[in-house]
PDB file of N, CA and C in Angstrom:
ATOM      1  N   MET A   1     -10.617  -0.667  -1.779  1.00  0.00           N
ATOM      2  CA  MET A   1      -9.288  -0.231  -0.643  1.00  0.00           C
ATOM      3  C   MET A   1      -8.813  -1.240  -0.037  1.00  0.00           C
ATOM      4  N   GLY A   2      -8.051  -0.960   0.482  1.00  0.00           N
ATOM      5  CA  GLY A   2      -6.719  -2.810   0.857  1.00  0.00           C
ATOM      6  C   GLY A   2      -7.444  -2.952   1.908  1.00  0.00           C
ATOM      7  N   LYS A   3      -7.122  -3.782   2.445  1.00  0.00           N
ATOM      8  CA  LYS A   3      -6.663  -4.347   3.812  1.00  0.00           C
ATOM      9  C   LYS A   3      -6.279  -3.189   5.002  1.00  0.00           C
ATOM     10  N   LYS A   4      -5.215  -3.193   4.762  1.00  0.00           N
ATOM     11  CA  LYS A   4      -4.518  -2.375   5.434  1.00  0.00           C
ATOM     12  C   LYS A   4      -5.653  -0.760   5.867  1.00  0.00           C
ATOM     13  N   GLU A   5      -5.688   0.079   4.626  1.00  0.00           N
ATOM     14  CA  GLU A   5      -6.037   1.031   4.821  1.00  0.00           C
ATOM     15  C   GLU A   5      -7.891   0.833   4.897  1.00  0.00           C
ATOM     16  N   SER A   6      -8.091   0.165   5.107  1.00  0.00           N
ATOM     17  CA  SER A   6      -9.549  -0.316   5.891  1.00  0.00           C
ATOM     18  C   SER A   6      -9.011  -0.821   7.122  1.00  0.00           C
ATOM     19  N   LEU A   7      -8.634  -1.101   7.951  1.00  0.00           N
ATOM     20  CA  LEU A   7      -8.243  -1.570   9.467  1.00  0.00           C
ATOM     21  C   LEU A   7      -7.686   0.106   9.881  1.00  0.00           C
ATOM     22  N   ILE A   8      -7.171   0.321   9.227  1.00  0.00           N
ATOM     23  CA  ILE A   8      -6.106   2.312   9.791  1.00  0.00           C
ATOM     24  C   ILE A   8      -7.517   3.299   9.528  1.00  0.00           C
ATOM     25  N   ARG A   9      -8.780   2.903   9.064  1.00  0.00           N
ATOM     26  CA  ARG A   9      -9.829   4.130   9.146  1.00  0.00           C
ATOM     27  C   ARG A   9     -10.532   3.075   9.946  1.00  0.00           C
ATOM     28  N   ALA A  10     -10.647   2.518  10.567  1.00  0.00           N
ATOM     29  CA  ALA A  10     -11.620   1.609  11.301  1.00  0.00           C
ATOM     30  C   ALA A  10     -11.059   2.313  12.391  1.00  0.00           C
ATOM     31  N   PHE A  11     -10.107   1.675  12.640  1.00  0.00           N
ATOM     32  CA  PHE A  11      -9.252   2.145  13.817  1.00  0.00           C
ATOM     33  C   PHE A  11      -9.198   4.048  14.687  1.00  0.00           C
ATOM     34  N   LYS A  12      -9.170   4.651  13.323  1.00  0.00           N
ATOM     35  CA  LYS A  12      -9.000   6.472  13.729  1.00  0.00           C
ATOM     36  C   LYS A  12     -10.367   6.464  14.131  1.00  0.00           C
ATOM     37  N   GLN A  13     -11.685   5.645  13.486  1.00  0.00           N
ATOM     38  CA  GLN A  13     -12.478   6.101  13.664  1.00  0.00           C
ATOM     39  C   GLN A  13     -12.977   5.227  15.566  1.00  0.00           C
ATOM     40  N   GLU A  14     -12.672   3.860  15.832  1.00  0.00           N
ATOM     41  CA  GLU A  14     -12.947   4.086  16.925  1.00  0.00           C
ATOM     42  C   GLU A  14     -12.273   4.872  17.865  1.00  0.00           C
ATOM     43  N   VAL A  15     -10.844   4.894  17.822  1.00  0.00           N
ATOM     44  CA  VAL A  15      -9.643   5.659  19.130  1.00  0.00           C
ATOM     45  C   VAL A  15     -10.718   6.673  19.400  1.00  0.00           C
ATOM     46  N   LYS A  16     -11.625   7.420  18.311  1.00  0.00           N
ATOM     47  CA  LYS A  16     -12.088   8.824  18.744  1.00  0.00           C
ATOM     48  C   LYS A  16     -13.079   9.102  19.720  1.00  0.00           C
ATOM     49  N   ARG A  17     -13.843   7.635  19.823  1.00  0.00           N
ATOM     50  CA  ARG A  17     -14.589   7.427  20.605  1.00  0.00           C
ATOM     51  C   ARG A  17     -13.650   6.686  21.754  1.00  0.00           C
ATOM     52  N   THR A  18     -13.115   6.335  22.276  1.00  0.00           N
ATOM     53  CA  THR A  18     -12.007   5.769  23.720  1.00  0.00           C
ATOM     54  C   THR A  18     -12.111   6.764  24.661  1.00  0.00           C
ATOM     55  N   ASN A  19     -12.121   6.698  26.133  1.00  0.00           N
ATOM     56  CA  ASN A  19     -11.712   6.854  26.953  1.00  0.00           C
ATOM     57  C   ASN A  19     -10.513   6.531  28.051  1.00  0.00           C
ATOM     58  N   GLN A  20     -10.000   7.371  28.944  1.00  0.00           N
ATOM     59  CA  GLN A  20      -9.043   6.478  29.820  1.00  0.00           C
ATOM     60  C   GLN A  20      -9.138   5.046  29.894  1.00  0.00           C
ATOM     61  N   PHE A  21      -9.802   4.687  30.134  1.00  0.00           N
ATOM     62  CA  PHE A  21     -10.325   2.796  30.078  1.00  0.00           C
ATOM     63  C   PHE A  21     -10.311   2.382  29.058  1.00  0.00           C
ATOM     64  N   THR A  22     -11.152   2.605  27.929  1.00  0.00           N
ATOM     65  CA  THR A  22     -10.992   1.762  26.822  1.00  0.00           C
ATOM     66  C   THR A  22     -10.061   1.860  25.630  1.00  0.00           C
ATOM     67  N   PHE A  23      -9.656   2.875  25.813  1.00  0.00           N
ATOM     68  CA  PHE A  23      -8.464   3.378  24.818  1.00  0.00           C
ATOM     69  C   PHE A  23      -7.173   2.209  25.514  1.00  0.00           C
ATOM     70  N   PRO A  24      -6.820   1.854  26.052  1.00  0.00           N
ATOM     71  CA  PRO A  24      -5.772   0.837  25.971  1.00  0.00           C
ATOM     72  C   PRO A  24      -6.307  -0.682  25.143  1.00  0.00           C
ATOM     73  N   ILE A  25      -7.383  -1.221  25.269  1.00  0.00           N
ATOM     74  CA  ILE A  25      -8.215  -1.777  25.112  1.00  0.00           C
ATOM     75  C   ILE A  25      -8.470  -2.063  23.724  1.00  0.00           C
ATOM     76  N   CYS A  26      -8.820  -0.603  22.685  1.00  0.00           N
ATOM     77  CA  CYS A  26      -8.904  -0.254  21.841  1.00  0.00           C
ATOM     78  C   CYS A  26      -7.424  -0.739  20.900  1.00  0.00           C
ATOM     79  N   VAL A  27      -6.667  -0.086  21.530  1.00  0.00           N
ATOM     80  CA  VAL A  27      -5.255  -0.363  20.174  1.00  0.00           C
ATOM     81  C   VAL A  27      -4.525  -1.474  20.731  1.00  0.00           C
ATOM     82  N   ASP A  28      -4.797  -2.493  21.920  1.00  0.00           N
ATOM     83  CA  ASP A  28      -4.450  -3.706  22.122  1.00  0.00           C
ATOM     84  C   ASP A  28      -5.127  -4.304  21.059  1.00  0.00           C
ATOM     85  N   SER A  29      -6.475  -4.355  20.958  1.00  0.00           N
ATOM     86  CA  SER A  29      -6.823  -5.221  19.625  1.00  0.00           C
ATOM     87  C   SER A  29      -6.641  -4.755  18.164  1.00  0.00           C
ATOM     88  N   PHE A  30      -6.864  -3.427  18.079  1.00  0.00           N
ATOM     89  CA  PHE A  30      -5.785  -3.126  16.829  1.00  0.00           C
ATOM     90  C   PHE A  30      -4.891  -3.608  15.707  1.00  0.00           C
ATOM     91  N   THR A  31      -3.627  -3.319  17.558  1.00  0.00           N
ATOM     92  CA  THR A  31      -2.309  -4.198  17.223  1.00  0.00           C
ATOM     93  C   THR A  31      -2.638  -5.491  17.287  1.00  0.00           C
ATOM     94  N   ASN A  32      -2.652  -6.394  17.774  1.00  0.00           N
ATOM     95  CA  ASN A  32      -3.386  -7.178  17.553  1.00  0.00           C
ATOM     96  C   ASN A  32      -3.555  -7.778  16.285  1.00  0.00           C
ATOM     97  N   LEU A  33      -5.019  -7.496  15.830  1.00  0.00           N
ATOM     98  CA  LEU A  33      -5.614  -7.529  14.525  1.00  0.00           C
ATOM     99  C   LEU A  33      -4.642  -7.464  13.390  1.00  0.00           C
ATOM    100  N   TRP A  34      -3.546  -6.360  13.801  1.00  0.00           N
ATOM    101  CA  TRP A  34      -2.690  -5.983  12.442  1.00  0.00           C
ATOM    102  C   TRP A  34      -1.521  -7.150  12.326  1.00  0.00           C
ATOM    103  N   GLN A  35      -0.847  -7.371  13.676  1.00  0.00           N
ATOM    104  CA  GLN A  35      -0.339  -8.500  14.098  1.00  0.00           C
ATOM    105  C   GLN A  35      -1.114  -9.818  13.182  1.00  0.00           C
ATOM    106  N   TYR A  36      -1.899 -10.179  13.327  1.00  0.00           N
ATOM    107  CA  TYR A  36      -2.448 -11.305  12.664  1.00  0.00           C
ATOM    108  C   TYR A  36      -2.536 -11.368  11.390  1.00  0.00           C
ATOM    109  N   GLU A  37      -2.969 -10.026  11.255  1.00  0.00           N
ATOM    110  CA  GLU A  37      -3.520 -10.051   9.509  1.00  0.00           C
ATOM    111  C   GLU A  37      -2.030 -10.065   8.900  1.00  0.00           C
ATOM    112  N   PHE A  38      -1.210  -9.210   9.559  1.00  0.00           N
ATOM    113  CA  PHE A  38       0.144  -9.183   8.817  1.00  0.00           C
ATOM    114  C   PHE A  38       1.788  -9.211   9.087  1.00  0.00           C
ATOM    115  N   GLY A  39       1.807 -10.267  10.188  1.00  0.00           N
ATOM    116  CA  GLY A  39       2.594 -10.662  10.709  1.00  0.00           C
ATOM    117  C   GLY A  39       3.396 -10.659  11.480  1.00  0.00           C
ATOM    118  N   THR A  40       3.544  -8.552  11.665  1.00  0.00           N
ATOM    119  CA  THR A  40       4.122  -7.902  12.029  1.00  0.00           C
ATOM    120  C   THR A  40       3.752  -6.343  12.163  1.00  0.00           C
ATOM    121  N   LEU A  41       4.247  -5.491  13.208  1.00  0.00           N
ATOM    122  CA  LEU A  41       3.660  -4.247  13.576  1.00  0.00           C
ATOM    123  C   LEU A  41       5.005  -3.270  12.232  1.00  0.00           C
ATOM    124  N   ASP A  42       5.666  -4.018  11.746  1.00  0.00           N
ATOM    125  CA  ASP A  42       7.118  -3.193  11.298  1.00  0.00           C
ATOM    126  C   ASP A  42       6.240  -2.777  10.431  1.00  0.00           C
ATOM    127  N   GLY A  43       5.389  -2.959   9.627  1.00  0.00           N
ATOM    128  CA  GLY A  43       4.796  -1.611   8.698  1.00  0.00           C
ATOM    129  C   GLY A  43       3.176  -1.347   9.207  1.00  0.00           C
ATOM    130  N   LEU A  44       3.579  -0.466  10.479  1.00  0.00           N
ATOM    131  CA  LEU A  44       2.196   0.460  10.952  1.00  0.00           C
ATOM    132  C   LEU A  44       2.587   1.740  10.514  1.00  0.00           C
ATOM    133  N   PRO A  45       2.147   2.435   9.962  1.00  0.00           N
ATOM    134  CA  PRO A  45       2.287   3.731   9.586  1.00  0.00           C
ATOM    135  C   PRO A  45       2.253   4.238  10.888  1.00  0.00           C
ATOM    136  N   LYS A  46       3.442   5.537  10.306  1.00  0.00           N
ATOM    137  CA  LYS A  46       3.644   6.636  10.953  1.00  0.00           C
ATOM    138  C   LYS A  46       2.322   7.381  12.060  1.00  0.00           C
ATOM    139  N   GLU A  47       1.728   7.476  11.243  1.00  0.00           N
ATOM    140  CA  GLU A  47       0.823   7.974  11.320  1.00  0.00           C
ATOM    141  C   GLU A  47      -0.277   7.852  12.374  1.00  0.00           C
ATOM    142  N   ILE A  48      -0.313   6.395  12.908  1.00  0.00           N
ATOM    143  CA  ILE A  48      -0.809   5.328  13.718  1.00  0.00           C
ATOM    144  C   ILE A  48      -0.519   5.176  15.068  1.00  0.00           C
ATOM    145  N   GLU A  49       1.127   5.952  15.140  1.00  0.00           N
ATOM    146  CA  GLU A  49       2.212   5.486  16.042  1.00  0.00           C
ATOM    147  C   GLU A  49       1.258   7.034  16.778  1.00  0.00           C
ATOM    148  N   GLN A  50       1.627   8.310  15.867  1.00  0.00           N
ATOM    149  CA  GLN A  50       1.510  10.059  16.560  1.00  0.00           C
ATOM    150  C   GLN A  50       0.126   9.885  16.562  1.00  0.00           C
ATOM    151  N   LEU A  51      -1.050   9.645  16.093  1.00  0.00           N
ATOM    152  CA  LEU A  51      -2.719   9.377  16.568  1.00  0.00           C
ATOM    153  C   LEU A  51      -2.478   8.795  18.116  1.00  0.00           C
ATOM    154  N   ILE A  52      -2.292   7.397  18.162  1.00  0.00           N
ATOM    155  CA  ILE A  52      -1.987   6.563  19.612  1.00  0.00           C
ATOM    156  C   ILE A  52      -1.679   7.675  20.633  1.00  0.00           C
ATOM    157  N   ALA A  53      -0.290   8.022  20.390  1.00  0.00           N
ATOM    158  CA  ALA A  53       0.764   9.470  21.126  1.00  0.00           C
ATOM    159  C   ALA A  53      -0.023  10.049  21.290  1.00  0.00           C
ATOM    160  N   TYR A  54      -0.842  10.921  20.617  1.00  0.00           N
ATOM    161  CA  TYR A  54      -1.760  12.037  20.767  1.00  0.00           C
ATOM    162  C   TYR A  54      -2.704  11.483  21.547  1.00  0.00           C
ATOM    163  N   ARG A  55      -3.169  10.601  21.479  1.00  0.00           N
ATOM    164  CA  ARG A  55      -4.662  10.174  22.340  1.00  0.00           C
ATOM    165  C   ARG A  55      -4.058  10.058  23.522  1.00  0.00           C
ATOM    166  N   ALA A  56      -3.173   9.238  23.692  1.00  0.00           N
ATOM    167  CA  ALA A  56      -2.417   9.432  24.956  1.00  0.00           C
ATOM    168  C   ALA A  56      -3.107  10.163  25.978  1.00  0.00           C
ATOM    169  N   ILE A  57      -1.355  11.012  25.503  1.00  0.00           N
ATOM    170  CA  ILE A  57      -1.256  12.519  26.096  1.00  0.00           C
ATOM    171  C   ILE A  57      -2.680  12.629  26.065  1.00  0.00           C
ATOM    172  N   GLU A  58      -3.956  13.187  24.890  1.00  0.00           N
ATOM    173  CA  GLU A  58      -5.273  13.980  25.452  1.00  0.00           C
ATOM    174  C   GLU A  58      -6.003  13.119  26.462  1.00  0.00           C
ATOM    175  N   LEU A  59      -5.921  11.908  26.984  1.00  0.00           N
ATOM    176  CA  LEU A  59      -6.728  11.274  27.835  1.00  0.00           C
ATOM    177  C   LEU A  59      -6.094  10.887  29.208  1.00  0.00           C
ATOM    178  N   GLY A  60      -4.936  11.874  29.183  1.00  0.00           N
ATOM    179  CA  GLY A  60      -3.972  11.603  30.549  1.00  0.00           C
ATOM    180  C   GLY A  60      -3.271  10.806  30.852  1.00  0.00           C
ATOM    181  N   LEU A  61      -2.810   9.376  30.092  1.00  0.00           N
ATOM    182  CA  LEU A  61      -2.486   8.243  30.486  1.00  0.00           C
ATOM    183  C   LEU A  61      -0.918   8.109  30.418  1.00  0.00           C
ATOM    184  N   MET A  62      -0.450   9.506  29.215  1.00  0.00           N
ATOM    185  CA  MET A  62       1.111   9.627  29.032  1.00  0.00           C
ATOM    186  C   MET A  62       1.384  11.136  28.916  1.00  0.00           C
ATOM    187  N   GLU A  63       2.253  11.342  29.391  1.00  0.00           N
ATOM    188  CA  GLU A  63       3.067  12.783  29.424  1.00  0.00           C
ATOM    189  C   GLU A  63       3.857  13.338  28.220  1.00  0.00           C
TER     190      GLU A  63
END
């Protein structure tokens, strides 16, 4: 398994355990690590963007 797949899998597991307070921290941590490892967020898979949006709505952080 590559580094990207490993990071994505870890993020998917972590985001499930977040609440309205820890969710932004989790997303910041993931995106900072992704940028550090790959230099940009441009290669971020659409499924991650959708997961972030869905979870934000679910937690009442976004409409």
